[in-house]
Amino acid sequence: MFCTQCGTKNPEGSAHCFNCGQDMGKPPARPLTTGKASAAAAARPQAAPTEFGRVDIAGRALVIAEQQISFGDQRLQTSAVAGIRYGIYKHYINGIRSSRSYGIWLTDNASVMQIECAKGFFVSDSTVQKRYEDSLKALYQAVMVPLIQRFLVALDTGNDFSVGDLTFNKSGMHRAGTLGAVERGFHKLLGGEQRAEERERQHRYLSWNQYGGHSFDSGNLRLHRGNTVWAQFALRETWNAVCLGPLFDFLCEDGRLWQFVNR
């Protein structure tokens, strides 16, 4: 979707333009011509907060609104949500499913809200799936789009943002961990200390020029260097890994990534 004020393309569902801050649901701002008009506008009643979705999960209402997300007796301020993760887990014994989880987690860095969409006895797979999909559809608008916008702003302004053990900035992706002693020793044995150092550098850093795209497999997001996997995240376990797919889709469209990292 494109901003009506500055023309910048933003992630689908954005509430505000990451470039100029324009409310994406309103026409372009125009200057008011008189003090009376300004006073009249201020006197108009404010619109009710937007509700993105309401889902019944085994008798507990999940309400996702512009100002607050509530689930049973749990509450989080929507604007304070700093992390989201979700995923499906099924356990089988001798080919028979013994348990299932359609879990969603939200955090404001002070507390964690857990939403289990598979809760309840004798609940059909279709009902659980619908709860899960309806919840994620609403949370995409309320939580994921603002998080993606924060990442875009950080990248655009030369700041860092982190997901899991990776830090992202204008130069590329940086991994906090080092090669294990066994793998480093293997490369040293094959090519000496110089090869081990080069392999360590490749392990810890991936430039945008070398970024080969991303893929999904069995609940994991994989980041590629060329055709090889450089890093991967379990979407169910890693905070905000679910935001990276839409973020990279947006950045890689029409060469937009280079507009961010080169300015």
Protein backbone atom coordinates (compact mmCIF):
# COMPACT_ATOMS: atom_id res chain seq x y z
CA MET A 1 0.00 0.00 0.00
CA PHE A 2 1.19 3.50 -0.82
CA CYS A 3 1.19 6.57 1.41
CA THR A 4 -1.22 9.24 0.12
CA GLN A 5 0.99 11.95 1.59
CA CYS A 6 4.52 11.10 0.33
CA GLY A 7 3.95 8.17 -2.04
CA THR A 8 6.15 5.72 -0.11
CA LYS A 9 5.19 2.04 -0.29
CA ASN A 10 4.54 0.50 3.14
CA PRO A 11 3.82 -3.07 4.33
CA GLU A 12 0.21 -4.09 3.67
CA GLY A 13 -2.01 -3.13 6.61
CA SER A 14 0.27 -0.34 7.89
CA ALA A 15 -1.47 2.15 10.16
CA HIS A 16 1.05 4.91 9.52
CA CYS A 17 3.66 5.59 6.83
CA PHE A 18 7.10 4.62 8.11
CA ASN A 19 8.58 7.52 6.11
CA CYS A 20 6.40 10.53 6.96
CA GLY A 21 4.04 9.26 9.68
CA GLN A 22 0.85 9.89 7.69
CA ASP A 23 -2.22 7.99 8.92
CA MET A 24 -2.71 5.46 6.10
CA GLY A 25 -6.47 5.40 6.68
CA LYS A 26 -6.92 9.12 6.11
CA PRO A 27 -6.54 11.47 3.12
CA PRO A 28 -3.40 13.66 2.95
CA ALA A 29 -3.18 16.26 5.66
CA ARG A 30 -4.05 19.81 4.54
CA PRO A 31 -3.36 22.99 6.51
CA LEU A 32 -6.32 24.55 8.31
CA THR A 33 -7.09 28.04 7.18
CA THR A 34 -8.79 29.58 10.24
CA GLY A 35 -8.66 29.32 13.99
CA LYS A 36 -12.42 28.67 14.04
CA ALA A 37 -12.00 25.64 11.80
CA SER A 38 -9.27 24.33 14.08
CA ALA A 39 -11.45 24.75 17.16
CA ALA A 40 -14.38 23.04 15.45
CA ALA A 41 -12.20 20.09 14.51
CA ALA A 42 -10.91 19.75 18.06
CA ALA A 43 -14.49 19.78 19.39
CA ARG A 44 -15.59 16.82 17.26
CA PRO A 45 -16.03 13.55 19.19
CA GLN A 46 -13.12 11.16 18.88
CA ALA A 47 -13.63 7.93 16.96
CA ALA A 48 -13.94 4.75 19.01
CA PRO A 49 -10.74 2.62 19.18
CA THR A 50 -10.49 0.07 16.40
CA GLU A 51 -11.14 -3.57 17.25
CA PHE A 52 -9.10 -5.83 15.00
CA GLY A 53 -10.68 -9.10 16.07
CA ARG A 54 -12.53 -11.05 18.75
CA VAL A 55 -12.07 -14.82 19.06
CA ASP A 56 -13.73 -17.23 21.48
CA ILE A 57 -11.24 -19.85 22.72
CA ALA A 58 -12.91 -22.44 24.93
CA GLY A 59 -15.11 -19.82 26.58
CA ARG A 60 -12.38 -17.21 26.99
CA ALA A 61 -12.56 -14.14 24.78
CA LEU A 62 -9.44 -12.99 22.99
CA VAL A 63 -10.06 -9.33 22.15
CA ILE A 64 -7.50 -7.58 19.97
CA ALA A 65 -8.06 -3.84 19.85
CA GLU A 66 -6.13 -0.71 19.00
CA GLN A 67 -5.41 0.14 22.62
CA GLN A 68 -5.44 -3.19 24.44
CA ILE A 69 -5.21 -6.94 23.91
CA SER A 70 -7.07 -9.03 26.46
CA PHE A 71 -7.40 -12.78 26.93
CA GLY A 72 -9.36 -13.90 29.94
CA ASP A 73 -7.85 -11.99 32.87
CA GLN A 74 -4.64 -11.14 31.00
CA ARG A 75 -4.11 -7.63 29.60
CA LEU A 76 -1.42 -6.02 27.44
CA GLN A 77 -1.33 -2.51 26.03
CA THR A 78 -1.18 -2.98 22.26
CA SER A 79 1.42 -0.27 21.72
CA ALA A 80 3.64 -1.85 24.39
CA VAL A 81 3.86 -5.27 22.73
CA ALA A 82 7.52 -5.79 21.87
CA GLY A 83 7.49 -9.41 20.77
CA ILE A 84 5.35 -12.12 19.19
CA ARG A 85 5.94 -15.76 18.38
CA TYR A 86 3.64 -18.55 17.31
CA GLY A 87 3.55 -22.02 15.86
CA ILE A 88 1.91 -25.43 15.70
CA TYR A 89 3.20 -28.53 17.47
CA LYS A 90 1.76 -32.04 17.20
CA HIS A 91 3.05 -35.11 19.00
CA TYR A 92 2.44 -38.65 17.75
CA ILE A 93 2.91 -42.05 19.37
CA ASN A 94 2.83 -45.03 16.99
CA GLY A 95 1.20 -42.86 14.35
CA ILE A 96 -1.55 -41.67 16.68
CA ARG A 97 -1.62 -38.03 17.71
CA SER A 98 -1.30 -37.76 21.47
CA SER A 99 -1.24 -33.98 21.83
CA ARG A 100 -1.40 -30.75 19.83
CA SER A 101 -0.64 -27.10 20.43
CA TYR A 102 -1.57 -24.06 18.37
CA GLY A 103 0.28 -21.54 20.51
CA ILE A 104 0.67 -17.76 20.30
CA TRP A 105 2.79 -15.72 22.72
CA LEU A 106 2.95 -11.94 23.19
CA THR A 107 5.27 -9.95 25.45
CA ASP A 108 5.75 -6.35 26.53
CA ASN A 109 9.15 -7.34 28.03
CA ALA A 110 7.60 -7.33 31.48
CA SER A 111 5.05 -10.13 31.12
CA VAL A 112 4.03 -12.81 28.62
CA MET A 113 0.53 -13.56 27.38
CA GLN A 114 0.06 -17.15 26.20
CA ILE A 115 -2.84 -17.98 23.91
CA GLU A 116 -3.47 -21.68 23.31
CA CYS A 117 -5.95 -22.09 20.47
CA ALA A 118 -6.22 -25.87 20.92
CA LYS A 119 -7.61 -25.57 24.44
CA GLY A 120 -10.76 -27.54 25.26
CA PHE A 121 -12.01 -31.13 25.15
CA PHE A 122 -13.14 -32.83 21.94
CA VAL A 123 -12.56 -29.70 19.86
CA SER A 124 -12.40 -30.41 16.14
CA ASP A 125 -9.28 -29.65 14.10
CA SER A 126 -11.25 -27.23 11.94
CA THR A 127 -12.40 -25.25 14.99
CA VAL A 128 -8.86 -25.04 16.38
CA GLN A 129 -7.48 -24.04 12.99
CA LYS A 130 -10.09 -21.28 12.63
CA ARG A 131 -9.34 -19.92 16.11
CA TYR A 132 -5.65 -19.85 15.23
CA GLU A 133 -6.10 -18.21 11.84
CA ASP A 134 -8.58 -15.60 13.11
CA SER A 135 -6.26 -14.73 16.00
CA LEU A 136 -3.23 -14.33 13.75
CA LYS A 137 -5.14 -12.29 11.20
CA ALA A 138 -6.06 -9.76 13.87
CA LEU A 139 -2.62 -9.82 15.50
CA TYR A 140 -0.94 -9.17 12.16
CA GLN A 141 -2.69 -5.82 11.96
CA ALA A 142 -2.41 -4.91 15.64
CA VAL A 143 1.07 -6.19 16.48
CA MET A 144 3.14 -7.41 13.54
CA VAL A 145 2.71 -4.42 11.22
CA PRO A 146 3.85 -1.94 13.94
CA LEU A 147 6.84 -4.19 14.78
CA ILE A 148 7.82 -4.44 11.10
CA GLN A 149 7.54 -0.66 10.84
CA ARG A 150 9.88 -0.27 13.83
CA PHE A 151 12.42 -2.52 12.13
CA LEU A 152 12.12 -0.53 8.90
CA VAL A 153 12.63 2.75 10.72
CA ALA A 154 15.68 1.34 12.53
CA LEU A 155 17.19 0.17 9.26
CA ASP A 156 16.37 3.44 7.51
CA THR A 157 17.89 5.61 10.26
CA GLY A 158 21.07 3.57 10.68
CA ASN A 159 20.11 1.88 13.95
CA ASP A 160 20.21 -1.81 14.86
CA PHE A 161 17.42 -4.24 15.65
CA SER A 162 17.78 -7.79 16.90
CA VAL A 163 15.90 -11.06 16.47
CA GLY A 164 17.20 -14.10 18.31
CA ASP A 165 21.00 -14.09 18.23
CA LEU A 166 21.14 -11.91 15.09
CA THR A 167 21.51 -8.15 14.86
CA PHE A 168 20.45 -6.37 11.66
CA ASN A 169 21.75 -3.02 10.42
CA LYS A 170 22.71 -1.24 7.21
CA SER A 171 25.81 -3.39 6.69
CA GLY A 172 24.02 -6.74 7.01
CA MET A 173 23.36 -9.40 9.64
CA HIS A 174 25.63 -10.10 12.61
CA ARG A 175 25.54 -13.26 14.72
CA ALA A 176 26.41 -13.08 18.40
CA GLY A 177 27.69 -16.66 18.71
CA THR A 178 30.97 -18.11 17.50
CA LEU A 179 31.86 -21.36 15.77
CA GLY A 180 32.04 -24.37 18.03
CA ALA A 181 35.51 -25.64 18.95
CA VAL A 182 35.03 -28.85 16.94
CA GLU A 183 33.96 -27.08 13.74
CA ARG A 184 36.69 -24.45 14.06
CA GLY A 185 39.26 -27.19 14.65
CA PHE A 186 38.01 -29.04 11.56
CA HIS A 187 38.51 -25.99 9.32
CA LYS A 188 41.91 -25.31 10.88
CA LEU A 189 42.94 -28.87 10.15
CA LEU A 190 41.87 -28.55 6.50
CA GLY A 191 43.27 -25.11 5.73
CA GLY A 192 45.17 -23.77 8.69
CA GLU A 193 44.42 -20.79 10.91
CA GLN A 194 43.59 -18.53 7.94
CA ARG A 195 40.77 -20.81 6.79
CA ALA A 196 39.45 -21.12 10.34
CA GLU A 197 39.40 -17.32 10.71
CA GLU A 198 37.61 -16.88 7.38
CA ARG A 199 35.03 -19.51 8.32
CA GLU A 200 34.53 -17.73 11.66
CA ARG A 201 33.97 -14.43 9.85
CA GLN A 202 31.41 -16.01 7.50
CA HIS A 203 29.66 -17.59 10.48
CA ARG A 204 29.33 -14.28 12.29
CA TYR A 205 28.54 -11.91 9.42
CA LEU A 206 26.34 -11.91 6.32
CA SER A 207 26.37 -8.77 4.16
CA TRP A 208 23.28 -7.70 2.26
CA ASN A 209 25.19 -8.31 -0.98
CA GLN A 210 25.56 -11.98 0.00
CA TYR A 211 22.00 -12.41 1.29
CA GLY A 212 20.36 -15.09 -0.84
CA GLY A 213 16.77 -14.86 0.38
CA HIS A 214 14.74 -16.73 2.97
CA SER A 215 12.64 -19.88 3.07
CA PHE A 216 10.34 -21.75 5.44
CA ASP A 217 10.54 -25.41 6.45
CA SER A 218 8.80 -27.33 9.24
CA GLY A 219 8.11 -24.28 11.38
CA ASN A 220 11.54 -22.73 10.80
CA LEU A 221 12.61 -19.59 8.98
CA ARG A 222 15.89 -19.99 7.11
CA LEU A 223 18.18 -17.18 5.93
CA HIS A 224 20.49 -18.00 3.05
CA ARG A 225 23.98 -17.05 1.96
CA GLY A 226 23.68 -17.79 -1.75
CA ASN A 227 22.15 -21.27 -1.90
CA THR A 228 23.24 -22.40 1.57
CA VAL A 229 21.49 -21.90 4.90
CA TRP A 230 23.35 -19.31 6.99
CA ALA A 231 20.94 -19.10 9.95
CA GLN A 232 17.55 -20.40 10.98
CA PHE A 233 14.94 -19.63 13.61
CA ALA A 234 12.20 -21.76 15.11
CA LEU A 235 9.16 -19.50 14.62
CA ARG A 236 7.46 -20.95 17.69
CA GLU A 237 10.47 -20.34 19.95
CA THR A 238 12.13 -17.10 18.73
CA TRP A 239 10.61 -13.74 19.51
CA ASN A 240 9.73 -11.75 16.35
CA ALA A 241 11.15 -14.32 13.91
CA VAL A 242 7.64 -14.40 12.41
CA CYS A 243 8.12 -10.72 11.41
CA LEU A 244 11.20 -11.40 9.29
CA GLY A 245 9.38 -13.10 6.41
CA PRO A 246 7.04 -10.15 5.69
CA LEU A 247 9.89 -7.72 6.38
CA PHE A 248 12.20 -9.32 3.81
CA ASP A 249 9.37 -9.75 1.30
CA PHE A 250 8.78 -6.00 1.52
CA LEU A 251 12.48 -5.08 1.35
CA CYS A 252 13.30 -7.36 -1.57
CA GLU A 253 10.45 -6.13 -3.75
CA ASP A 254 11.59 -3.75 -6.52
CA GLY A 255 15.10 -3.52 -5.03
CA ARG A 256 13.76 -1.59 -2.05
CA LEU A 257 16.44 -3.05 0.26
CA TRP A 258 19.14 -0.92 -1.37
CA GLN A 259 17.11 2.23 -0.84
CA PHE A 260 17.29 1.52 2.90
CA VAL A 261 20.88 0.37 3.33
CA ASN A 262 22.54 2.82 0.93
CA ARG A 263 21.14 6.08 2.30
